[in-house]
C-alpha atoms as a PDB file:
ATOM      1  CA  UNK A   1      10.279   6.819 -29.732  1.00  0.00           C
ATOM      2  CA  UNK A   2       8.632   8.679 -26.790  1.00  0.00           C
ATOM      3  CA  UNK A   3       9.946   8.493 -23.087  1.00  0.00           C
ATOM      4  CA  UNK A   4       6.526   7.488 -22.530  1.00  0.00           C
ATOM      5  CA  UNK A   5       6.737   4.171 -24.703  1.00  0.00           C
ATOM      6  CA  UNK A   6      10.254   3.285 -23.606  1.00  0.00           C
ATOM      7  CA  UNK A   7       8.876   3.161 -19.959  1.00  0.00           C
ATOM      8  CA  UNK A   8       5.822   1.524 -20.672  1.00  0.00           C
ATOM      9  CA  UNK A   9       7.817  -1.263 -22.756  1.00  0.00           C
ATOM     10  CA  UNK A  10      10.386  -1.608 -19.635  1.00  0.00           C
ATOM     11  CA  UNK A  11       7.324  -2.350 -17.520  1.00  0.00           C
ATOM     12  CA  UNK A  12       5.680  -4.819 -19.941  1.00  0.00           C
ATOM     13  CA  UNK A  13       9.220  -6.866 -20.104  1.00  0.00           C
ATOM     14  CA  UNK A  14       9.002  -6.806 -16.281  1.00  0.00           C
ATOM     15  CA  UNK A  15       5.434  -7.982 -16.028  1.00  0.00           C
ATOM     16  CA  UNK A  16       6.291 -10.562 -18.638  1.00  0.00           C
ATOM     17  CA  UNK A  17       9.212 -11.888 -16.881  1.00  0.00           C
ATOM     18  CA  UNK A  18       7.563 -11.995 -13.325  1.00  0.00           C
ATOM     19  CA  UNK A  19       5.082 -14.643 -14.535  1.00  0.00           C
ATOM     20  CA  UNK A  20       8.006 -17.077 -15.824  1.00  0.00           C
ATOM     21  CA  UNK A  21      11.327 -16.861 -17.914  1.00  0.00           C
ATOM     22  CA  UNK A  22      10.737 -15.961 -21.723  1.00  0.00           C
ATOM     23  CA  UNK A  23      12.846 -15.836 -25.047  1.00  0.00           C
ATOM     24  CA  UNK A  24      13.469 -12.969 -26.905  1.00  0.00           C
ATOM     25  CA  UNK A  25      10.958 -14.066 -29.316  1.00  0.00           C
ATOM     26  CA  UNK A  26       8.289 -14.604 -26.768  1.00  0.00           C
ATOM     27  CA  UNK A  27       8.911 -11.186 -25.447  1.00  0.00           C
ATOM     28  CA  UNK A  28       8.870  -9.763 -29.013  1.00  0.00           C
ATOM     29  CA  UNK A  29       5.669 -11.394 -29.713  1.00  0.00           C
ATOM     30  CA  UNK A  30       4.153 -10.046 -26.317  1.00  0.00           C
ATOM     31  CA  UNK A  31       5.189  -6.553 -27.392  1.00  0.00           C
ATOM     32  CA  UNK A  32       3.692  -6.650 -30.408  1.00  0.00           C
ATOM     33  CA  UNK A  33       0.525  -7.981 -28.982  1.00  0.00           C
ATOM     34  CA  UNK A  34       0.509  -4.976 -26.422  1.00  0.00           C
ATOM     35  CA  UNK A  35       1.426  -2.269 -29.227  1.00  0.00           C
ATOM     36  CA  UNK A  36      -1.921  -3.450 -30.809  1.00  0.00           C
ATOM     37  CA  UNK A  37      -3.730  -3.256 -27.832  1.00  0.00           C
ATOM     38  CA  UNK A  38      -2.430   0.179 -26.272  1.00  0.00           C
ATOM     39  CA  UNK A  39      -1.857   1.718 -29.774  1.00  0.00           C
ATOM     40  CA  UNK A  40       1.887   2.464 -29.401  1.00  0.00           C
ATOM     41  CA  UNK A  41       5.000   0.885 -30.937  1.00  0.00           C
ATOM     42  CA  UNK A  42       6.584  -1.507 -28.502  1.00  0.00           C
ATOM     43  CA  UNK A  43       8.175  -3.714 -31.045  1.00  0.00           C
ATOM     44  CA  UNK A  44      12.057  -3.604 -30.777  1.00  0.00           C
ATOM     45  CA  UNK A  45      15.298  -5.482 -31.939  1.00  0.00           C
ATOM     46  CA  UNK A  46      17.630  -7.568 -29.943  1.00  0.00           C
ATOM     47  CA  UNK A  47      20.126  -4.470 -29.632  1.00  0.00           C
ATOM     48  CA  UNK A  48      17.498  -2.445 -27.926  1.00  0.00           C
ATOM     49  CA  UNK A  49      16.096  -5.141 -26.097  1.00  0.00           C
ATOM     50  CA  UNK A  50      19.586  -5.262 -24.250  1.00  0.00           C
ATOM     51  CA  UNK A  51      19.922  -1.543 -23.848  1.00  0.00           C
ATOM     52  CA  UNK A  52      16.429  -1.602 -22.321  1.00  0.00           C
ATOM     53  CA  UNK A  53      17.636  -4.414 -19.800  1.00  0.00           C
ATOM     54  CA  UNK A  54      20.471  -1.776 -18.549  1.00  0.00           C
ATOM     55  CA  UNK A  55      18.017   0.701 -18.126  1.00  0.00           C
ATOM     56  CA  UNK A  56      15.684  -1.470 -16.008  1.00  0.00           C
ATOM     57  CA  UNK A  57      18.522  -2.623 -14.074  1.00  0.00           C
ATOM     58  CA  UNK A  58      19.318   1.254 -13.279  1.00  0.00           C
ATOM     59  CA  UNK A  59      15.673   2.524 -12.846  1.00  0.00           C
ATOM     60  CA  UNK A  60      14.212  -0.291 -10.734  1.00  0.00           C
ATOM     61  CA  UNK A  61      17.365  -2.154  -9.586  1.00  0.00           C
ATOM     62  CA  UNK A  62      15.811  -5.195 -11.207  1.00  0.00           C
ATOM     63  CA  UNK A  63      18.334  -7.651 -12.838  1.00  0.00           C
ATOM     64  CA  UNK A  64      17.350  -9.465 -15.915  1.00  0.00           C
ATOM     65  CA  UNK A  65      19.791 -12.196 -17.287  1.00  0.00           C
ATOM     66  CA  UNK A  66      19.614 -14.953 -19.764  1.00  0.00           C
ATOM     67  CA  UNK A  67      19.403 -18.690 -18.471  1.00  0.00           C
ATOM     68  CA  UNK A  68      20.894 -21.095 -20.661  1.00  0.00           C
ATOM     69  CA  UNK A  69      19.281 -24.172 -19.218  1.00  0.00           C
ATOM     70  CA  UNK A  70      15.682 -22.578 -19.260  1.00  0.00           C
ATOM     71  CA  UNK A  71      16.501 -20.852 -22.601  1.00  0.00           C
ATOM     72  CA  UNK A  72      15.056 -17.462 -21.750  1.00  0.00           C
ATOM     73  CA  UNK A  73      15.410 -14.441 -19.728  1.00  0.00           C
ATOM     74  CA  UNK A  74      14.697 -14.102 -16.026  1.00  0.00           C
ATOM     75  CA  UNK A  75      14.644 -11.759 -13.306  1.00  0.00           C
ATOM     76  CA  UNK A  76      17.632 -12.570 -11.076  1.00  0.00           C
ATOM     77  CA  UNK A  77      17.437 -10.064  -8.393  1.00  0.00           C
ATOM     78  CA  UNK A  78      14.521  -7.698  -7.635  1.00  0.00           C
ATOM     79  CA  UNK A  79      15.804  -5.622  -4.423  1.00  0.00           C
ATOM     80  CA  UNK A  80      12.307  -4.221  -3.680  1.00  0.00           C
ATOM     81  CA  UNK A  81       9.463  -6.307  -5.274  1.00  0.00           C
ATOM     82  CA  UNK A  82       6.624  -4.205  -3.300  1.00  0.00           C
ATOM     83  CA  UNK A  83       8.129  -0.997  -4.556  1.00  0.00           C
ATOM     84  CA  UNK A  84       8.230  -2.110  -8.366  1.00  0.00           C
ATOM     85  CA  UNK A  85       4.823  -3.352  -8.071  1.00  0.00           C
ATOM     86  CA  UNK A  86       3.748  -0.053  -7.017  1.00  0.00           C
ATOM     87  CA  UNK A  87       5.598   1.944  -9.424  1.00  0.00           C
ATOM     88  CA  UNK A  88       4.058  -0.526 -12.551  1.00  0.00           C
ATOM     89  CA  UNK A  89       0.598   0.259 -10.907  1.00  0.00           C
ATOM     90  CA  UNK A  90       1.163   3.894 -10.693  1.00  0.00           C
ATOM     91  CA  UNK A  91       2.319   3.929 -14.400  1.00  0.00           C
ATOM     92  CA  UNK A  92      -0.554   2.053 -15.588  1.00  0.00           C
ATOM     93  CA  UNK A  93      -2.744   4.495 -13.705  1.00  0.00           C
ATOM     94  CA  UNK A  94      -0.779   7.098 -15.346  1.00  0.00           C
ATOM     95  CA  UNK A  95      -1.458   5.906 -18.739  1.00  0.00           C
ATOM     96  CA  UNK A  96      -5.109   5.539 -18.126  1.00  0.00           C
ATOM     97  CA  UNK A  97      -5.304   9.067 -17.093  1.00  0.00           C
ATOM     98  CA  UNK A  98      -3.778  10.099 -20.355  1.00  0.00           C
ATOM     99  CA  UNK A  99      -6.336   8.324 -22.537  1.00  0.00           C
ATOM    100  CA  UNK A 100      -9.320   9.442 -20.743  1.00  0.00           C
ATOM    101  CA  UNK A 101     -10.080  12.189 -23.686  1.00  0.00           C
ATOM    102  CA  UNK A 102     -10.292   8.935 -26.031  1.00  0.00           C
ATOM    103  CA  UNK A 103     -11.976   6.445 -23.883  1.00  0.00           C
ATOM    104  CA  UNK A 104     -13.655   8.681 -21.402  1.00  0.00           C
ATOM    105  CA  UNK A 105     -17.102   6.842 -21.921  1.00  0.00           C
ATOM    106  CA  UNK A 106     -15.709   3.870 -20.773  1.00  0.00           C
ATOM    107  CA  UNK A 107     -13.358   4.571 -17.922  1.00  0.00           C
ATOM    108  CA  UNK A 108     -14.845   6.427 -14.590  1.00  0.00           C
ATOM    109  CA  UNK A 109     -12.232   7.453 -12.138  1.00  0.00           C
ATOM    110  CA  UNK A 110     -13.028   8.122  -8.428  1.00  0.00           C
ATOM    111  CA  UNK A 111     -13.522  11.576  -7.711  1.00  0.00           C
ATOM    112  CA  UNK A 112     -11.235  12.287  -4.354  1.00  0.00           C
ATOM    113  CA  UNK A 113      -9.024  15.102  -2.918  1.00  0.00           C
ATOM    114  CA  UNK A 114      -5.204  15.047  -3.333  1.00  0.00           C
ATOM    115  CA  UNK A 115      -3.314  12.806  -1.040  1.00  0.00           C
ATOM    116  CA  UNK A 116      -0.698  15.008  -0.092  1.00  0.00           C
ATOM    117  CA  UNK A 117       1.859  13.115  -2.166  1.00  0.00           C
ATOM    118  CA  UNK A 118       3.570  16.284  -3.306  1.00  0.00           C
ATOM    119  CA  UNK A 119       5.615  15.995   0.230  1.00  0.00           C
ATOM    120  CA  UNK A 120       6.804  12.441  -0.437  1.00  0.00           C
ATOM    121  CA  UNK A 121      10.228  13.328  -1.839  1.00  0.00           C
ATOM    122  CA  UNK A 122      10.801  15.845   1.000  1.00  0.00           C
ATOM    123  CA  UNK A 123       9.699  13.417   3.923  1.00  0.00           C
ATOM    124  CA  UNK A 124      11.701  10.640   2.519  1.00  0.00           C
ATOM    125  CA  UNK A 125      14.797  12.851   2.382  1.00  0.00           C
ATOM    126  CA  UNK A 126      14.190  13.934   5.933  1.00  0.00           C
ATOM    127  CA  UNK A 127      13.754  10.404   7.107  1.00  0.00           C
ATOM    128  CA  UNK A 128      16.938   9.200   5.328  1.00  0.00           C
ATOM    129  CA  UNK A 129      18.853  12.283   6.771  1.00  0.00           C
ATOM    130  CA  UNK A 130      17.134  11.719  10.140  1.00  0.00           C
ATOM    131  CA  UNK A 131      16.325  15.774  10.488  1.00  0.00           C
ATOM    132  CA  UNK A 132      13.702  17.420  12.353  1.00  0.00           C
ATOM    133  CA  UNK A 133      10.418  18.630   9.936  1.00  0.00           C
ATOM    134  CA  UNK A 134       7.958  21.200  10.923  1.00  0.00           C
ATOM    135  CA  UNK A 135       4.606  21.490   9.196  1.00  0.00           C
ATOM    136  CA  UNK A 136       0.900  22.882  10.076  1.00  0.00           C
ATOM    137  CA  UNK A 137      -1.580  20.203  10.663  1.00  0.00           C
ATOM    138  CA  UNK A 138      -5.230  20.025  10.456  1.00  0.00           C
ATOM    139  CA  UNK A 139      -7.144  17.330  12.503  1.00  0.00           C
ATOM    140  CA  UNK A 140     -10.542  16.203  11.243  1.00  0.00           C
ATOM    141  CA  UNK A 141     -12.338  16.673  14.426  1.00  0.00           C
ATOM    142  CA  UNK A 142     -11.329  20.379  14.984  1.00  0.00           C
ATOM    143  CA  UNK A 143     -11.326  23.166  12.670  1.00  0.00           C
ATOM    144  CA  UNK A 144      -7.634  24.171  13.904  1.00  0.00           C
ATOM    145  CA  UNK A 145      -4.486  24.126  11.842  1.00  0.00           C
ATOM    146  CA  UNK A 146      -1.718  23.232  14.687  1.00  0.00           C
ATOM    147  CA  UNK A 147       1.940  23.874  13.989  1.00  0.00           C
ATOM    148  CA  UNK A 148       3.725  20.547  14.688  1.00  0.00           C
ATOM    149  CA  UNK A 149       7.790  19.910  14.988  1.00  0.00           C
ATOM    150  CA  UNK A 150       8.353  16.282  14.587  1.00  0.00           C
ATOM    151  CA  UNK A 151      11.114  13.530  14.212  1.00  0.00           C
ATOM    152  CA  UNK A 152      10.250  11.492  10.961  1.00  0.00           C
ATOM    153  CA  UNK A 153      10.588   7.591  11.138  1.00  0.00           C
ATOM    154  CA  UNK A 154       8.920   6.231   8.313  1.00  0.00           C
ATOM    155  CA  UNK A 155       5.933   6.512   5.909  1.00  0.00           C
ATOM    156  CA  UNK A 156       2.951   3.940   5.667  1.00  0.00           C
ATOM    157  CA  UNK A 157       0.135   3.569   3.349  1.00  0.00           C
ATOM    158  CA  UNK A 158      -3.361   2.490   4.578  1.00  0.00           C
ATOM    159  CA  UNK A 159      -6.487   2.481   2.266  1.00  0.00           C
ATOM    160  CA  UNK A 160      -5.225   4.572  -0.406  1.00  0.00           C
ATOM    161  CA  UNK A 161      -3.958   7.375   2.146  1.00  0.00           C
ATOM    162  CA  UNK A 162      -0.502   8.135   3.047  1.00  0.00           C
ATOM    163  CA  UNK A 163       0.694   8.761   6.653  1.00  0.00           C
ATOM    164  CA  UNK A 164       3.512   9.893   8.309  1.00  0.00           C
ATOM    165  CA  UNK A 165       4.880   7.891  11.405  1.00  0.00           C
ATOM    166  CA  UNK A 166       6.776  10.491  13.604  1.00  0.00           C
ATOM    167  CA  UNK A 167       7.722  11.412  17.200  1.00  0.00           C
ATOM    168  CA  UNK A 168       5.939  14.640  18.297  1.00  0.00           C
ATOM    169  CA  UNK A 169       8.402  16.867  19.890  1.00  0.00           C
ATOM    170  CA  UNK A 170       5.569  18.238  22.203  1.00  0.00           C
ATOM    171  CA  UNK A 171       4.579  14.980  24.109  1.00  0.00           C
ATOM    172  CA  UNK A 172       7.228  12.652  22.840  1.00  0.00           C
ATOM    173  CA  UNK A 173       4.628  10.496  21.679  1.00  0.00           C
ATOM    174  CA  UNK A 174       5.159   8.637  18.246  1.00  0.00           C
ATOM    175  CA  UNK A 175       2.133   9.318  16.266  1.00  0.00           C
ATOM    176  CA  UNK A 176       0.375   9.291  12.520  1.00  0.00           C
ATOM    177  CA  UNK A 177      -0.148  12.336  10.251  1.00  0.00           C
ATOM    178  CA  UNK A 178      -2.237  12.186   7.423  1.00  0.00           C
ATOM    179  CA  UNK A 179      -0.170  13.569   4.173  1.00  0.00           C
ATOM    180  CA  UNK A 180      -3.579  15.034   3.018  1.00  0.00           C
ATOM    181  CA  UNK A 181      -3.679  17.334   6.065  1.00  0.00           C
ATOM    182  CA  UNK A 182      -0.123  18.308   6.324  1.00  0.00           C
ATOM    183  CA  UNK A 183       0.935  21.386   4.570  1.00  0.00           C
ATOM    184  CA  UNK A 184       3.692  24.141   4.823  1.00  0.00           C
ATOM    185  CA  UNK A 185       6.507  21.287   4.938  1.00  0.00           C
ATOM    186  CA  UNK A 186       9.612  22.853   6.136  1.00  0.00           C
ATOM    187  CA  UNK A 187      12.763  20.576   6.520  1.00  0.00           C
ATOM    188  CA  UNK A 188      15.245  21.609   9.173  1.00  0.00           C
ATOM    189  CA  UNK A 189      18.884  21.105   9.699  1.00  0.00           C
ATOM    190  CA  UNK A 190      18.186  20.032  13.125  1.00  0.00           C
ATOM    191  CA  UNK A 191      19.447  16.215  13.294  1.00  0.00           C
ATOM    192  CA  UNK A 192      17.637  13.527  15.671  1.00  0.00           C
ATOM    193  CA  UNK A 193      18.684  10.079  16.968  1.00  0.00           C
ATOM    194  CA  UNK A 194      16.374   7.122  16.050  1.00  0.00           C
ATOM    195  CA  UNK A 195      15.791   4.956  19.025  1.00  0.00           C
ATOM    196  CA  UNK A 196      17.622   1.688  18.702  1.00  0.00           C
ATOM    197  CA  UNK A 197      14.517  -0.219  19.625  1.00  0.00           C
ATOM    198  CA  UNK A 198      12.363   1.272  17.235  1.00  0.00           C
ATOM    199  CA  UNK A 199      11.541  -0.615  13.876  1.00  0.00           C
ATOM    200  CA  UNK A 200       8.557   0.307  11.765  1.00  0.00           C
ATOM    201  CA  UNK A 201       7.836  -3.470  10.768  1.00  0.00           C
ATOM    202  CA  UNK A 202       7.372  -4.540  14.121  1.00  0.00           C
ATOM    203  CA  UNK A 203       5.963  -1.289  15.710  1.00  0.00           C
ATOM    204  CA  UNK A 204       2.949  -2.224  13.227  1.00  0.00           C
ATOM    205  CA  UNK A 205       3.347  -6.222  13.045  1.00  0.00           C
ATOM    206  CA  UNK A 206       0.254  -6.585  15.086  1.00  0.00           C
ATOM    207  CA  UNK A 207      -1.817  -3.596  14.459  1.00  0.00           C
ATOM    208  CA  UNK A 208      -4.700  -3.040  11.645  1.00  0.00           C
ATOM    209  CA  UNK A 209      -4.215   0.051   9.824  1.00  0.00           C
ATOM    210  CA  UNK A 210      -2.309   3.200  11.345  1.00  0.00           C
ATOM    211  CA  UNK A 211      -3.336   3.417  15.147  1.00  0.00           C
ATOM    212  CA  UNK A 212      -0.227   2.547  16.994  1.00  0.00           C
ATOM    213  CA  UNK A 213      -0.408  -0.355  19.894  1.00  0.00           C
ATOM    214  CA  UNK A 214      -2.807   0.552  22.778  1.00  0.00           C
ATOM    215  CA  UNK A 215      -2.042  -2.273  25.107  1.00  0.00           C
ATOM    216  CA  UNK A 216       1.000  -4.476  26.440  1.00  0.00           C
ATOM    217  CA  UNK A 217       0.160  -7.322  24.200  1.00  0.00           C
ATOM    218  CA  UNK A 218      -2.030  -8.331  20.968  1.00  0.00           C
ATOM    219  CA  UNK A 219      -5.196 -10.258  21.381  1.00  0.00           C
ATOM    220  CA  UNK A 220      -6.320 -13.656  19.823  1.00  0.00           C
ATOM    221  CA  UNK A 221      -9.420 -12.674  17.499  1.00  0.00           C
ATOM    222  CA  UNK A 222     -11.903 -15.251  16.131  1.00  0.00           C
ATOM    223  CA  UNK A 223     -14.345 -14.112  13.485  1.00  0.00           C
ATOM    224  CA  UNK A 224     -17.146 -15.944  12.071  1.00  0.00           C
ATOM    225  CA  UNK A 225     -18.137 -14.845   8.307  1.00  0.00           C
ATOM    226  CA  UNK A 226     -20.841 -15.876   5.948  1.00  0.00           C
ATOM    227  CA  UNK A 227     -19.796 -18.145   3.235  1.00  0.00           C
ATOM    228  CA  UNK A 228     -19.940 -15.681   0.486  1.00  0.00           C
ATOM    229  CA  UNK A 229     -18.177 -13.046   2.614  1.00  0.00           C
ATOM    230  CA  UNK A 230     -15.694 -15.482   3.443  1.00  0.00           C
ATOM    231  CA  UNK A 231     -14.536 -15.963  -0.109  1.00  0.00           C
ATOM    232  CA  UNK A 232     -13.541 -12.058  -0.200  1.00  0.00           C
ATOM    233  CA  UNK A 233     -11.794 -12.613   3.114  1.00  0.00           C
ATOM    234  CA  UNK A 234      -9.776 -15.725   1.697  1.00  0.00           C
ATOM    235  CA  UNK A 235      -8.751 -13.697  -1.317  1.00  0.00           C
ATOM    236  CA  UNK A 236      -7.918 -10.644   0.373  1.00  0.00           C
ATOM    237  CA  UNK A 237      -7.140 -11.485   4.031  1.00  0.00           C
ATOM    238  CA  UNK A 238      -7.695  -9.018   6.598  1.00  0.00           C
ATOM    239  CA  UNK A 239      -4.215  -9.389   8.400  1.00  0.00           C
ATOM    240  CA  UNK A 240      -1.095 -11.295   7.700  1.00  0.00           C
ATOM    241  CA  UNK A 241      -1.714 -13.111  11.007  1.00  0.00           C
ATOM    242  CA  UNK A 242      -5.109 -14.528   9.390  1.00  0.00           C
ATOM    243  CA  UNK A 243      -5.414 -18.108   9.996  1.00  0.00           C
ATOM    244  CA  UNK A 244      -8.396 -20.325   8.643  1.00  0.00           C
ATOM    245  CA  UNK A 245      -9.927 -22.426  11.396  1.00  0.00           C
ATOM    246  CA  UNK A 246     -13.160 -23.634   9.409  1.00  0.00           C
ATOM    247  CA  UNK A 247     -14.138 -23.122   5.914  1.00  0.00           C
ATOM    248  CA  UNK A 248     -17.609 -24.701   5.444  1.00  0.00           C
ATOM    249  CA  UNK A 249     -20.714 -24.136   3.696  1.00  0.00           C
ATOM    250  CA  UNK A 250     -21.964 -22.959   6.992  1.00  0.00           C
ATOM    251  CA  UNK A 251     -19.112 -20.069   7.738  1.00  0.00           C
ATOM    252  CA  UNK A 252     -15.683 -19.308   7.326  1.00  0.00           C
ATOM    253  CA  UNK A 253     -13.894 -19.153  10.847  1.00  0.00           C
ATOM    254  CA  UNK A 254     -10.773 -17.208  10.921  1.00  0.00           C
ATOM    255  CA  UNK A 255      -8.277 -16.036  13.908  1.00  0.00           C
ATOM    256  CA  UNK A 256      -6.304 -13.142  13.965  1.00  0.00           C
ATOM    257  CA  UNK A 257      -3.492 -11.833  16.473  1.00  0.00           C
ATOM    258  CA  UNK A 258      -3.955  -7.828  16.670  1.00  0.00           C
ATOM    259  CA  UNK A 259      -4.162  -5.068  19.108  1.00  0.00           C
ATOM    260  CA  UNK A 260      -7.857  -4.000  19.103  1.00  0.00           C
ATOM    261  CA  UNK A 261      -7.680  -0.359  17.745  1.00  0.00           C
ATOM    262  CA  UNK A 262     -10.656   1.800  16.549  1.00  0.00           C
ATOM    263  CA  UNK A 263      -9.292   1.170  12.874  1.00  0.00           C
ATOM    264  CA  UNK A 264      -9.970  -2.500  13.484  1.00  0.00           C
ATOM    265  CA  UNK A 265     -13.316  -1.858  15.090  1.00  0.00           C
ATOM    266  CA  UNK A 266     -14.437  -0.109  12.229  1.00  0.00           C
ATOM    267  CA  UNK A 267     -13.331  -2.457   9.709  1.00  0.00           C
ATOM    268  CA  UNK A 268     -15.501  -4.825  11.533  1.00  0.00           C
ATOM    269  CA  UNK A 269     -18.565  -2.829  11.563  1.00  0.00           C
ATOM    270  CA  UNK A 270     -17.999  -2.254   7.608  1.00  0.00           C
ATOM    271  CA  UNK A 271     -19.256  -5.948   7.221  1.00  0.00           C
ATOM    272  CA  UNK A 272     -22.530  -5.556   8.835  1.00  0.00           C
ATOM    273  CA  UNK A 273     -24.203  -8.888   9.521  1.00  0.00           C
ATOM    274  CA  UNK A 274     -21.604 -10.589   7.307  1.00  0.00           C
ATOM    275  CA  UNK A 275     -19.350 -11.069  10.317  1.00  0.00           C
ATOM    276  CA  UNK A 276     -19.700 -12.209  13.994  1.00  0.00           C
ATOM    277  CA  UNK A 277     -17.155 -11.769  16.667  1.00  0.00           C
ATOM    278  CA  UNK A 278     -16.680 -14.994  18.424  1.00  0.00           C
ATOM    279  CA  UNK A 279     -13.469 -13.951  20.661  1.00  0.00           C
ATOM    280  CA  UNK A 280     -12.623 -12.300  22.983  1.00  0.00           C
ATOM    281  CA  UNK A 281     -15.359 -11.385  25.044  1.00  0.00           C
ATOM    282  CA  UNK A 282     -14.344  -7.705  25.499  1.00  0.00           C
ATOM    283  CA  UNK A 283     -14.552  -7.110  21.680  1.00  0.00           C
ATOM    284  CA  UNK A 284     -17.979  -8.910  21.498  1.00  0.00           C
ATOM    285  CA  UNK A 285     -19.483  -6.535  24.092  1.00  0.00           C
ATOM    286  CA  UNK A 286     -17.563  -3.620  22.539  1.00  0.00           C
ATOM    287  CA  UNK A 287     -19.496  -4.151  19.127  1.00  0.00           C
ATOM    288  CA  UNK A 288     -22.718  -4.712  20.666  1.00  0.00           C
ATOM    289  CA  UNK A 289     -22.577  -1.411  22.466  1.00  0.00           C
ATOM    290  CA  UNK A 290     -21.941   0.169  19.129  1.00  0.00           C
ATOM    291  CA  UNK A 291     -24.779  -1.380  17.308  1.00  0.00           C
ATOM    292  CA  UNK A 292     -26.845  -0.546  20.232  1.00  0.00           C
ATOM    293  CA  UNK A 293     -25.954   2.933  20.124  1.00  0.00           C
ATOM    294  CA  UNK A 294     -26.401   3.026  16.385  1.00  0.00           C
ATOM    295  CA  UNK A 295     -29.971   1.438  16.844  1.00  0.00           C
ATOM    296  CA  UNK A 296     -30.777   4.315  19.163  1.00  0.00           C
ATOM    297  CA  UNK A 297     -30.098   7.072  16.765  1.00  0.00           C
ATOM    298  CA  UNK A 298     -33.281   5.557  14.871  1.00  0.00           C
ATOM    299  CA  UNK A 299     -35.412   5.731  17.493  1.00  0.00           C
END
């Protein structure tokens, strides 16, 4: 049995038990069905299944135990559910990429540049050890490749891109650096102290995207979406602060609490005439000015 089959089987067991507890027979039936679908042999006996549970605990930090009252196995502890979900997604993609020769006429992958993920491990090491790093950085709006020395605080993902959140030694500001524009990474042995008041979750709590707060306080924002677009906004909220004020045949009216950054303005513009900014007035005027300048380019 290949390593790929074993890891695929672990992922299937986790997915099955995330939905609800299941007996060994139910899990076996599920693995048999997936064997037919994927073309692998995921069928196992109870002894191999018990070894799988130990491997899952070691690899994913997920503890699966038998619940006698429910007469089935269930996930007792998942220390990092978001991280586990991304691992499962990544392996699903990995498997899809490896079968494109057989199913190339059915799968079309987006053609995109590498995202700089080759530096993820080194960056995580520097963040954990709290040591300075050096790298070359290419800004989109210039042709220069600048040398940077920073104190790495955290990694953040936004719209399928990875960013490093770090304090720039040159001006002491906390900035975001796209990993796809970062090269020649060097991990130094120079330690730094993480500010006690800094918390990456709190730092981005009222931010949309990766632009840091640009004001003293976030603002209350009210948006009106067309009913059809509103269905998408309800299924995939713009932000965790999203609150529905009205959901009718006329509109979906929502309220957000955010810093108004360029990232957020660009997101609003991407909805075209499916959205209207109701409040605050400053944002209303800014959107009007952007559309005015855009219209002027067609004169």
